[in-house]
């Protein structure tokens, strides 16, 4: 994937990330944030019978309410929506001809990485991050300001990152710091999603 071709500014990349995320996680996000029980229930099969039988008594409705809360907690604690977004974003970036085979291959890479036997399945490698930096550093100074630093994470769809990077010169952030911080944030996100055991980490990261 050529980051330079697909990104002309942060707004365009934000739009790309939003389009990728809506393909799979939109229903989950809407259900968990707005309390749309029917949408989430349909997704996980809890409310399938409701469409056939609307005469349930209060006891059964209470049980379903408990089931819904348990299901919502499961989705939240295991970061199911985030993981679906991760998978779909990868698939869209590759424009896979066979989505099922691509998903299976990607899941296998996740499992291998979790066990310490493979490379982390990152969406952006250091070459992509360097391209992003170079587009921000229009004068080739080797530095960006803090706002550009934050925009870099937003561009890659990363919400958790080091908000206090070590400044290199007059409050500016050097290229090597920028690249390492973005790479580490992306790596930490993947580790969190695949539940990589810290004790099984290998030289692959």
C-alpha atoms as a PDB file:
ATOM      1  CA  UNK A   1       0.000   0.000   0.000  1.00  0.00           C
ATOM      2  CA  UNK A   2       1.415   3.375  -0.987  1.00  0.00           C
ATOM      3  CA  UNK A   3       0.711   5.846   1.780  1.00  0.00           C
ATOM      4  CA  UNK A   4       1.843   8.744  -0.361  1.00  0.00           C
ATOM      5  CA  UNK A   5      -0.750   7.917  -3.026  1.00  0.00           C
ATOM      6  CA  UNK A   6      -3.608   7.331  -0.611  1.00  0.00           C
ATOM      7  CA  UNK A   7      -2.946  10.287   1.679  1.00  0.00           C
ATOM      8  CA  UNK A   8      -2.697  13.885   0.668  1.00  0.00           C
ATOM      9  CA  UNK A   9      -3.605  15.331   4.053  1.00  0.00           C
ATOM     10  CA  UNK A  10      -4.929  14.163   7.402  1.00  0.00           C
ATOM     11  CA  UNK A  11      -8.568  14.813   6.449  1.00  0.00           C
ATOM     12  CA  UNK A  12      -8.404  12.379   3.540  1.00  0.00           C
ATOM     13  CA  UNK A  13      -6.813   9.694   5.709  1.00  0.00           C
ATOM     14  CA  UNK A  14      -9.409  10.261   8.431  1.00  0.00           C
ATOM     15  CA  UNK A  15     -12.094   9.697   5.805  1.00  0.00           C
ATOM     16  CA  UNK A  16     -10.420   6.464   4.662  1.00  0.00           C
ATOM     17  CA  UNK A  17     -10.179   5.162   8.199  1.00  0.00           C
ATOM     18  CA  UNK A  18     -13.810   6.018   8.856  1.00  0.00           C
ATOM     19  CA  UNK A  19     -14.968   4.243   5.706  1.00  0.00           C
ATOM     20  CA  UNK A  20     -13.014   1.128   6.661  1.00  0.00           C
ATOM     21  CA  UNK A  21     -14.380   1.044  10.190  1.00  0.00           C
ATOM     22  CA  UNK A  22     -18.013   1.423   9.178  1.00  0.00           C
ATOM     23  CA  UNK A  23     -17.885  -1.730   7.062  1.00  0.00           C
ATOM     24  CA  UNK A  24     -17.916  -4.006  10.094  1.00  0.00           C
ATOM     25  CA  UNK A  25     -18.030  -2.250  13.459  1.00  0.00           C
ATOM     26  CA  UNK A  26     -20.681   0.400  12.857  1.00  0.00           C
ATOM     27  CA  UNK A  27     -23.538  -1.713  14.163  1.00  0.00           C
ATOM     28  CA  UNK A  28     -21.574  -2.770  17.222  1.00  0.00           C
ATOM     29  CA  UNK A  29     -20.485   0.782  17.993  1.00  0.00           C
ATOM     30  CA  UNK A  30     -24.003   2.125  17.589  1.00  0.00           C
ATOM     31  CA  UNK A  31     -25.525  -0.588  19.724  1.00  0.00           C
ATOM     32  CA  UNK A  32     -23.104  -0.286  22.606  1.00  0.00           C
ATOM     33  CA  UNK A  33     -23.109   3.520  22.648  1.00  0.00           C
ATOM     34  CA  UNK A  34     -26.784   4.280  22.044  1.00  0.00           C
ATOM     35  CA  UNK A  35     -28.414   1.391  23.841  1.00  0.00           C
ATOM     36  CA  UNK A  36     -29.976  -0.019  20.706  1.00  0.00           C
ATOM     37  CA  UNK A  37     -30.808  -3.418  22.173  1.00  0.00           C
ATOM     38  CA  UNK A  38     -32.556  -4.695  19.093  1.00  0.00           C
ATOM     39  CA  UNK A  39     -29.595  -3.990  16.817  1.00  0.00           C
ATOM     40  CA  UNK A  40     -27.096  -5.670  19.105  1.00  0.00           C
ATOM     41  CA  UNK A  41     -29.492  -8.492  19.938  1.00  0.00           C
ATOM     42  CA  UNK A  42     -30.010  -9.230  16.270  1.00  0.00           C
ATOM     43  CA  UNK A  43     -26.250  -9.226  15.707  1.00  0.00           C
ATOM     44  CA  UNK A  44     -25.528 -11.790  18.418  1.00  0.00           C
ATOM     45  CA  UNK A  45     -28.805 -13.732  18.186  1.00  0.00           C
ATOM     46  CA  UNK A  46     -30.311 -12.736  21.510  1.00  0.00           C
ATOM     47  CA  UNK A  47     -33.491 -11.220  20.127  1.00  0.00           C
ATOM     48  CA  UNK A  48     -34.206 -13.618  17.301  1.00  0.00           C
ATOM     49  CA  UNK A  49     -37.397 -14.852  18.945  1.00  0.00           C
ATOM     50  CA  UNK A  50     -38.682 -11.351  19.628  1.00  0.00           C
ATOM     51  CA  UNK A  51     -39.690 -10.923  16.009  1.00  0.00           C
ATOM     52  CA  UNK A  52     -41.899 -14.037  16.278  1.00  0.00           C
ATOM     53  CA  UNK A  53     -43.260 -13.567  19.799  1.00  0.00           C
ATOM     54  CA  UNK A  54     -43.968 -10.144  21.311  1.00  0.00           C
ATOM     55  CA  UNK A  55     -45.947 -11.500  24.278  1.00  0.00           C
ATOM     56  CA  UNK A  56     -43.108 -12.257  26.671  1.00  0.00           C
ATOM     57  CA  UNK A  57     -43.791 -11.658  30.342  1.00  0.00           C
ATOM     58  CA  UNK A  58     -41.745  -9.463  32.673  1.00  0.00           C
ATOM     59  CA  UNK A  59     -39.678 -12.370  34.012  1.00  0.00           C
ATOM     60  CA  UNK A  60     -38.427 -13.413  30.586  1.00  0.00           C
ATOM     61  CA  UNK A  61     -37.720  -9.797  29.661  1.00  0.00           C
ATOM     62  CA  UNK A  62     -35.642  -9.467  32.815  1.00  0.00           C
ATOM     63  CA  UNK A  63     -33.634 -12.558  31.876  1.00  0.00           C
ATOM     64  CA  UNK A  64     -33.063 -11.144  28.381  1.00  0.00           C
ATOM     65  CA  UNK A  65     -31.941  -7.880  29.910  1.00  0.00           C
ATOM     66  CA  UNK A  66     -29.357  -9.737  31.960  1.00  0.00           C
ATOM     67  CA  UNK A  67     -28.283 -11.669  28.867  1.00  0.00           C
ATOM     68  CA  UNK A  68     -27.908  -8.459  26.945  1.00  0.00           C
ATOM     69  CA  UNK A  69     -25.768  -6.865  29.620  1.00  0.00           C
ATOM     70  CA  UNK A  70     -23.565  -9.937  29.753  1.00  0.00           C
ATOM     71  CA  UNK A  71     -23.218  -9.932  25.961  1.00  0.00           C
ATOM     72  CA  UNK A  72     -22.378  -6.231  25.887  1.00  0.00           C
ATOM     73  CA  UNK A  73     -19.743  -6.699  28.579  1.00  0.00           C
ATOM     74  CA  UNK A  74     -18.253  -9.597  26.628  1.00  0.00           C
ATOM     75  CA  UNK A  75     -18.009  -7.487  23.461  1.00  0.00           C
ATOM     76  CA  UNK A  76     -16.448  -4.608  25.402  1.00  0.00           C
ATOM     77  CA  UNK A  77     -13.966  -6.609  27.458  1.00  0.00           C
ATOM     78  CA  UNK A  78     -12.689  -8.574  24.463  1.00  0.00           C
ATOM     79  CA  UNK A  79     -12.642  -5.502  22.188  1.00  0.00           C
ATOM     80  CA  UNK A  80     -14.631  -7.305  19.496  1.00  0.00           C
ATOM     81  CA  UNK A  81     -15.578  -4.115  17.630  1.00  0.00           C
ATOM     82  CA  UNK A  82     -11.965  -2.929  17.585  1.00  0.00           C
ATOM     83  CA  UNK A  83     -10.768  -6.313  16.369  1.00  0.00           C
ATOM     84  CA  UNK A  84     -13.315  -6.372  13.534  1.00  0.00           C
ATOM     85  CA  UNK A  85     -12.203  -2.880  12.546  1.00  0.00           C
ATOM     86  CA  UNK A  86      -8.584  -4.050  12.547  1.00  0.00           C
ATOM     87  CA  UNK A  87      -9.427  -7.018  10.271  1.00  0.00           C
ATOM     88  CA  UNK A  88     -11.563  -5.032   7.836  1.00  0.00           C
ATOM     89  CA  UNK A  89      -9.055  -2.186   7.579  1.00  0.00           C
ATOM     90  CA  UNK A  90      -6.378  -4.707   6.611  1.00  0.00           C
ATOM     91  CA  UNK A  91      -8.681  -6.289   4.035  1.00  0.00           C
ATOM     92  CA  UNK A  92      -9.633  -2.959   2.464  1.00  0.00           C
ATOM     93  CA  UNK A  93      -6.012  -1.808   2.341  1.00  0.00           C
ATOM     94  CA  UNK A  94      -5.122  -4.890   0.290  1.00  0.00           C
ATOM     95  CA  UNK A  95      -8.339  -4.839  -1.768  1.00  0.00           C
ATOM     96  CA  UNK A  96      -8.419  -8.623  -1.328  1.00  0.00           C
ATOM     97  CA  UNK A  97      -9.978 -10.584  -4.195  1.00  0.00           C
ATOM     98  CA  UNK A  98     -11.016 -13.359  -1.823  1.00  0.00           C
ATOM     99  CA  UNK A  99     -12.051 -11.780   1.505  1.00  0.00           C
ATOM    100  CA  UNK A 100     -12.587 -15.113   3.271  1.00  0.00           C
ATOM    101  CA  UNK A 101      -9.143 -16.471   2.415  1.00  0.00           C
ATOM    102  CA  UNK A 102      -7.580 -13.133   3.299  1.00  0.00           C
ATOM    103  CA  UNK A 103      -9.304 -13.083   6.698  1.00  0.00           C
ATOM    104  CA  UNK A 104      -8.217 -16.651   7.445  1.00  0.00           C
ATOM    105  CA  UNK A 105      -4.636 -15.822   6.514  1.00  0.00           C
ATOM    106  CA  UNK A 106      -4.663 -12.682   8.654  1.00  0.00           C
ATOM    107  CA  UNK A 107      -6.138 -14.532  11.629  1.00  0.00           C
ATOM    108  CA  UNK A 108      -3.428 -17.162  11.255  1.00  0.00           C
ATOM    109  CA  UNK A 109      -0.776 -14.418  11.315  1.00  0.00           C
ATOM    110  CA  UNK A 110      -2.360 -13.047  14.491  1.00  0.00           C
ATOM    111  CA  UNK A 111      -2.200 -16.456  16.140  1.00  0.00           C
ATOM    112  CA  UNK A 112       1.404 -17.000  15.094  1.00  0.00           C
ATOM    113  CA  UNK A 113       2.394 -13.597  16.416  1.00  0.00           C
ATOM    114  CA  UNK A 114       0.568 -14.205  19.688  1.00  0.00           C
ATOM    115  CA  UNK A 115       2.523 -17.410  20.188  1.00  0.00           C
ATOM    116  CA  UNK A 116       5.812 -15.657  19.382  1.00  0.00           C
ATOM    117  CA  UNK A 117       6.356 -17.422  16.051  1.00  0.00           C
ATOM    118  CA  UNK A 118       5.689 -14.653  13.560  1.00  0.00           C
ATOM    119  CA  UNK A 119       5.914 -10.979  12.761  1.00  0.00           C
ATOM    120  CA  UNK A 120       3.255  -8.618  14.118  1.00  0.00           C
ATOM    121  CA  UNK A 121       0.488  -8.097  11.506  1.00  0.00           C
ATOM    122  CA  UNK A 122       0.884  -4.332  11.320  1.00  0.00           C
ATOM    123  CA  UNK A 123      -1.068  -2.261   8.835  1.00  0.00           C
ATOM    124  CA  UNK A 124       1.694   0.336   8.459  1.00  0.00           C
ATOM    125  CA  UNK A 125       5.384  -0.505   8.485  1.00  0.00           C
ATOM    126  CA  UNK A 126       8.199   1.950   9.142  1.00  0.00           C
ATOM    127  CA  UNK A 127       8.418   2.855   5.470  1.00  0.00           C
ATOM    128  CA  UNK A 128       4.802   4.062   5.528  1.00  0.00           C
ATOM    129  CA  UNK A 129       5.431   6.012   8.727  1.00  0.00           C
ATOM    130  CA  UNK A 130       8.478   7.647   7.150  1.00  0.00           C
ATOM    131  CA  UNK A 131       6.395   8.670   4.130  1.00  0.00           C
ATOM    132  CA  UNK A 132       3.881  10.255   6.473  1.00  0.00           C
ATOM    133  CA  UNK A 133       6.616  12.166   8.294  1.00  0.00           C
ATOM    134  CA  UNK A 134       8.115  13.423   5.038  1.00  0.00           C
ATOM    135  CA  UNK A 135       4.754  14.775   3.924  1.00  0.00           C
ATOM    136  CA  UNK A 136       4.472  16.712   7.180  1.00  0.00           C
ATOM    137  CA  UNK A 137       8.073  17.909   7.118  1.00  0.00           C
ATOM    138  CA  UNK A 138       7.710  19.922   3.913  1.00  0.00           C
ATOM    139  CA  UNK A 139      10.997  21.773   4.320  1.00  0.00           C
ATOM    140  CA  UNK A 140      13.042  18.697   5.142  1.00  0.00           C
ATOM    141  CA  UNK A 141      14.142  19.938   8.545  1.00  0.00           C
ATOM    142  CA  UNK A 142      13.896  16.512  10.165  1.00  0.00           C
ATOM    143  CA  UNK A 143      11.469  17.814  12.791  1.00  0.00           C
ATOM    144  CA  UNK A 144       7.711  18.265  13.292  1.00  0.00           C
ATOM    145  CA  UNK A 145       5.815  20.187  15.940  1.00  0.00           C
ATOM    146  CA  UNK A 146       3.608  18.633  18.594  1.00  0.00           C
ATOM    147  CA  UNK A 147       0.375  19.206  16.688  1.00  0.00           C
ATOM    148  CA  UNK A 148       1.792  17.417  13.650  1.00  0.00           C
ATOM    149  CA  UNK A 149       2.931  14.631  15.970  1.00  0.00           C
ATOM    150  CA  UNK A 150      -0.649  14.162  17.220  1.00  0.00           C
ATOM    151  CA  UNK A 151      -1.997  14.348  13.673  1.00  0.00           C
ATOM    152  CA  UNK A 152       0.294  11.463  12.721  1.00  0.00           C
ATOM    153  CA  UNK A 153      -1.432   9.152  15.194  1.00  0.00           C
ATOM    154  CA  UNK A 154      -4.858  10.353  14.121  1.00  0.00           C
ATOM    155  CA  UNK A 155      -3.942   9.690  10.508  1.00  0.00           C
ATOM    156  CA  UNK A 156      -3.080   6.070  11.292  1.00  0.00           C
ATOM    157  CA  UNK A 157      -6.202   5.627  13.409  1.00  0.00           C
ATOM    158  CA  UNK A 158      -4.276   5.314  16.679  1.00  0.00           C
ATOM    159  CA  UNK A 159      -5.987   6.715  19.763  1.00  0.00           C
ATOM    160  CA  UNK A 160      -3.606   5.496  22.477  1.00  0.00           C
ATOM    161  CA  UNK A 161      -0.068   6.848  22.289  1.00  0.00           C
ATOM    162  CA  UNK A 162       2.656   8.620  24.232  1.00  0.00           C
ATOM    163  CA  UNK A 163       1.380  12.167  24.640  1.00  0.00           C
ATOM    164  CA  UNK A 164       4.624  13.427  26.123  1.00  0.00           C
ATOM    165  CA  UNK A 165       7.372  12.467  23.660  1.00  0.00           C
ATOM    166  CA  UNK A 166      10.874  13.667  24.309  1.00  0.00           C
ATOM    167  CA  UNK A 167      11.362  16.963  22.440  1.00  0.00           C
ATOM    168  CA  UNK A 168      14.543  17.224  20.436  1.00  0.00           C
ATOM    169  CA  UNK A 169      14.928  20.925  19.651  1.00  0.00           C
ATOM    170  CA  UNK A 170      12.924  23.945  20.739  1.00  0.00           C
ATOM    171  CA  UNK A 171       9.963  21.739  21.569  1.00  0.00           C
ATOM    172  CA  UNK A 172      10.067  20.039  18.183  1.00  0.00           C
ATOM    173  CA  UNK A 173      10.028  16.287  17.671  1.00  0.00           C
ATOM    174  CA  UNK A 174      12.744  14.589  15.653  1.00  0.00           C
ATOM    175  CA  UNK A 175      12.023  12.182  12.825  1.00  0.00           C
ATOM    176  CA  UNK A 176      13.412   9.153  14.638  1.00  0.00           C
ATOM    177  CA  UNK A 177      11.284   9.886  17.721  1.00  0.00           C
ATOM    178  CA  UNK A 178       8.171  10.395  15.587  1.00  0.00           C
ATOM    179  CA  UNK A 179       8.695   7.139  13.707  1.00  0.00           C
ATOM    180  CA  UNK A 180       9.445   5.071  16.804  1.00  0.00           C
ATOM    181  CA  UNK A 181       6.488   6.432  18.766  1.00  0.00           C
ATOM    182  CA  UNK A 182       4.023   5.721  15.937  1.00  0.00           C
ATOM    183  CA  UNK A 183       5.438   2.264  15.380  1.00  0.00           C
ATOM    184  CA  UNK A 184       5.318   1.429  19.087  1.00  0.00           C
ATOM    185  CA  UNK A 185       1.727   2.676  19.427  1.00  0.00           C
ATOM    186  CA  UNK A 186       0.631   0.532  16.497  1.00  0.00           C
ATOM    187  CA  UNK A 187       2.500  -2.483  17.872  1.00  0.00           C
ATOM    188  CA  UNK A 188       0.926  -2.045  21.312  1.00  0.00           C
ATOM    189  CA  UNK A 189      -2.523  -1.877  19.743  1.00  0.00           C
ATOM    190  CA  UNK A 190      -1.954  -5.172  17.893  1.00  0.00           C
ATOM    191  CA  UNK A 191      -0.564  -6.830  21.021  1.00  0.00           C
ATOM    192  CA  UNK A 192      -3.637  -5.742  22.933  1.00  0.00           C
ATOM    193  CA  UNK A 193      -6.059  -6.962  20.254  1.00  0.00           C
ATOM    194  CA  UNK A 194      -4.505 -10.404  19.850  1.00  0.00           C
ATOM    195  CA  UNK A 195      -3.872 -10.740  23.596  1.00  0.00           C
ATOM    196  CA  UNK A 196      -0.191 -11.413  23.091  1.00  0.00           C
ATOM    197  CA  UNK A 197       1.379 -12.842  26.236  1.00  0.00           C
ATOM    198  CA  UNK A 198       4.360 -10.648  27.257  1.00  0.00           C
ATOM    199  CA  UNK A 199       6.238 -13.749  28.422  1.00  0.00           C
ATOM    200  CA  UNK A 200       6.091 -15.243  24.915  1.00  0.00           C
ATOM    201  CA  UNK A 201       7.556 -12.240  23.120  1.00  0.00           C
ATOM    202  CA  UNK A 202      10.294 -13.006  20.671  1.00  0.00           C
ATOM    203  CA  UNK A 203      12.787 -11.068  18.611  1.00  0.00           C
ATOM    204  CA  UNK A 204       9.962 -10.383  16.148  1.00  0.00           C
ATOM    205  CA  UNK A 205       8.433  -7.845  18.532  1.00  0.00           C
END
